[in-house]
C-alpha atoms as a PDB file:
ATOM      1  CA  MET A   1     -29.154 -44.838  28.738  1.00  0.00           C
ATOM      2  CA  LYS A   2     -31.109 -47.578  30.707  1.00  0.00           C
ATOM      3  CA  ILE A   3     -30.855 -48.968  33.942  1.00  0.00           C
ATOM      4  CA  SER A   4     -30.222 -52.834  33.933  1.00  0.00           C
ATOM      5  CA  LEU A   5     -30.400 -54.891  37.174  1.00  0.00           C
ATOM      6  CA  HIS A   6     -29.240 -57.894  38.362  1.00  0.00           C
ATOM      7  CA  PRO A   7     -32.017 -60.343  38.647  1.00  0.00           C
ATOM      8  CA  ALA A   8     -31.460 -60.957  42.610  1.00  0.00           C
ATOM      9  CA  ALA A   9     -32.336 -57.431  42.732  1.00  0.00           C
ATOM     10  CA  GLU A  10     -35.559 -57.183  40.528  1.00  0.00           C
ATOM     11  CA  ASP A  11     -36.786 -60.282  42.895  1.00  0.00           C
ATOM     12  CA  ASP A  12     -36.319 -58.007  45.991  1.00  0.00           C
ATOM     13  CA  ILE A  13     -38.152 -55.241  43.954  1.00  0.00           C
ATOM     14  CA  GLU A  14     -41.085 -56.937  43.245  1.00  0.00           C
ATOM     15  CA  GLU A  15     -41.313 -58.957  46.582  1.00  0.00           C
ATOM     16  CA  ALA A  16     -41.083 -55.556  48.540  1.00  0.00           C
ATOM     17  CA  ALA A  17     -43.432 -54.058  46.119  1.00  0.00           C
ATOM     18  CA  ALA A  18     -45.482 -57.532  47.045  1.00  0.00           C
ATOM     19  CA  PHE A  19     -45.184 -57.047  50.649  1.00  0.00           C
ATOM     20  CA  TYR A  20     -46.085 -52.788  50.416  1.00  0.00           C
ATOM     21  CA  GLU A  21     -49.755 -54.247  48.152  1.00  0.00           C
ATOM     22  CA  LYS A  22     -50.196 -56.857  50.867  1.00  0.00           C
ATOM     23  CA  THR A  23     -50.179 -54.732  54.110  1.00  0.00           C
ATOM     24  CA  GLY A  24     -50.303 -51.685  52.627  1.00  0.00           C
ATOM     25  CA  SER A  25     -52.491 -51.452  49.475  1.00  0.00           C
ATOM     26  CA  PRO A  26     -52.127 -51.697  45.859  1.00  0.00           C
ATOM     27  CA  ALA A  27     -51.587 -47.663  45.451  1.00  0.00           C
ATOM     28  CA  LEU A  28     -48.960 -48.163  47.986  1.00  0.00           C
ATOM     29  CA  ALA A  29     -47.182 -50.636  46.322  1.00  0.00           C
ATOM     30  CA  ALA A  30     -47.462 -48.494  43.169  1.00  0.00           C
ATOM     31  CA  LYS A  31     -45.835 -45.108  44.839  1.00  0.00           C
ATOM     32  CA  PHE A  32     -42.876 -47.763  45.500  1.00  0.00           C
ATOM     33  CA  VAL A  33     -42.406 -49.048  42.550  1.00  0.00           C
ATOM     34  CA  ALA A  34     -42.703 -45.436  41.159  1.00  0.00           C
ATOM     35  CA  GLU A  35     -40.415 -44.057  43.316  1.00  0.00           C
ATOM     36  CA  PHE A  36     -37.561 -46.628  42.580  1.00  0.00           C
ATOM     37  CA  LYS A  37     -38.133 -45.580  38.792  1.00  0.00           C
ATOM     38  CA  ARG A  38     -37.681 -41.593  39.683  1.00  0.00           C
ATOM     39  CA  VAL A  39     -34.633 -42.398  42.006  1.00  0.00           C
ATOM     40  CA  SER A  40     -33.255 -44.788  39.367  1.00  0.00           C
ATOM     41  CA  GLN A  41     -33.616 -41.492  36.259  1.00  0.00           C
ATOM     42  CA  LEU A  42     -31.817 -39.470  38.757  1.00  0.00           C
ATOM     43  CA  LEU A  43     -29.133 -41.789  38.906  1.00  0.00           C
ATOM     44  CA  LEU A  44     -28.509 -41.990  35.834  1.00  0.00           C
ATOM     45  CA  GLU A  45     -28.748 -38.013  34.926  1.00  0.00           C
ATOM     46  CA  PHE A  46     -26.682 -37.644  38.020  1.00  0.00           C
ATOM     47  CA  PRO A  47     -24.275 -40.537  38.436  1.00  0.00           C
ATOM     48  CA  GLY A  48     -21.811 -38.845  41.366  1.00  0.00           C
ATOM     49  CA  PHE A  49     -25.491 -38.537  43.447  1.00  0.00           C
ATOM     50  CA  GLY A  50     -25.096 -39.904  46.745  1.00  0.00           C
ATOM     51  CA  SER A  51     -21.416 -40.948  46.395  1.00  0.00           C
ATOM     52  CA  PRO A  52     -19.213 -40.694  49.213  1.00  0.00           C
ATOM     53  CA  ARG A  53     -16.439 -37.957  49.447  1.00  0.00           C
ATOM     54  CA  SER A  54     -13.117 -38.200  51.659  1.00  0.00           C
ATOM     55  CA  ARG A  55     -13.634 -34.734  52.791  1.00  0.00           C
ATOM     56  CA  GLY A  56     -17.621 -32.931  53.290  1.00  0.00           C
ATOM     57  CA  ARG A  57     -18.059 -29.567  52.950  1.00  0.00           C
ATOM     58  CA  LYS A  58     -16.965 -26.852  55.189  1.00  0.00           C
ATOM     59  CA  GLY A  59     -20.138 -26.680  57.530  1.00  0.00           C
ATOM     60  CA  PHE A  60     -21.537 -29.987  56.958  1.00  0.00           C
ATOM     61  CA  ARG A  61     -21.418 -32.791  58.700  1.00  0.00           C
END
């Protein structure tokens, strides 16, 4: 399966990467994009990851 982003979301990612490159470094921008891709892949593999639950596990809040 492949991730499909809304054009506005793509713009947001590009703007964030440009900001990190300008205020940080090109390496920081690359890390941001790599992390976005990594988490996107996790969501493909585990679609329930981070989903809200009506009741938490006992002992966790």
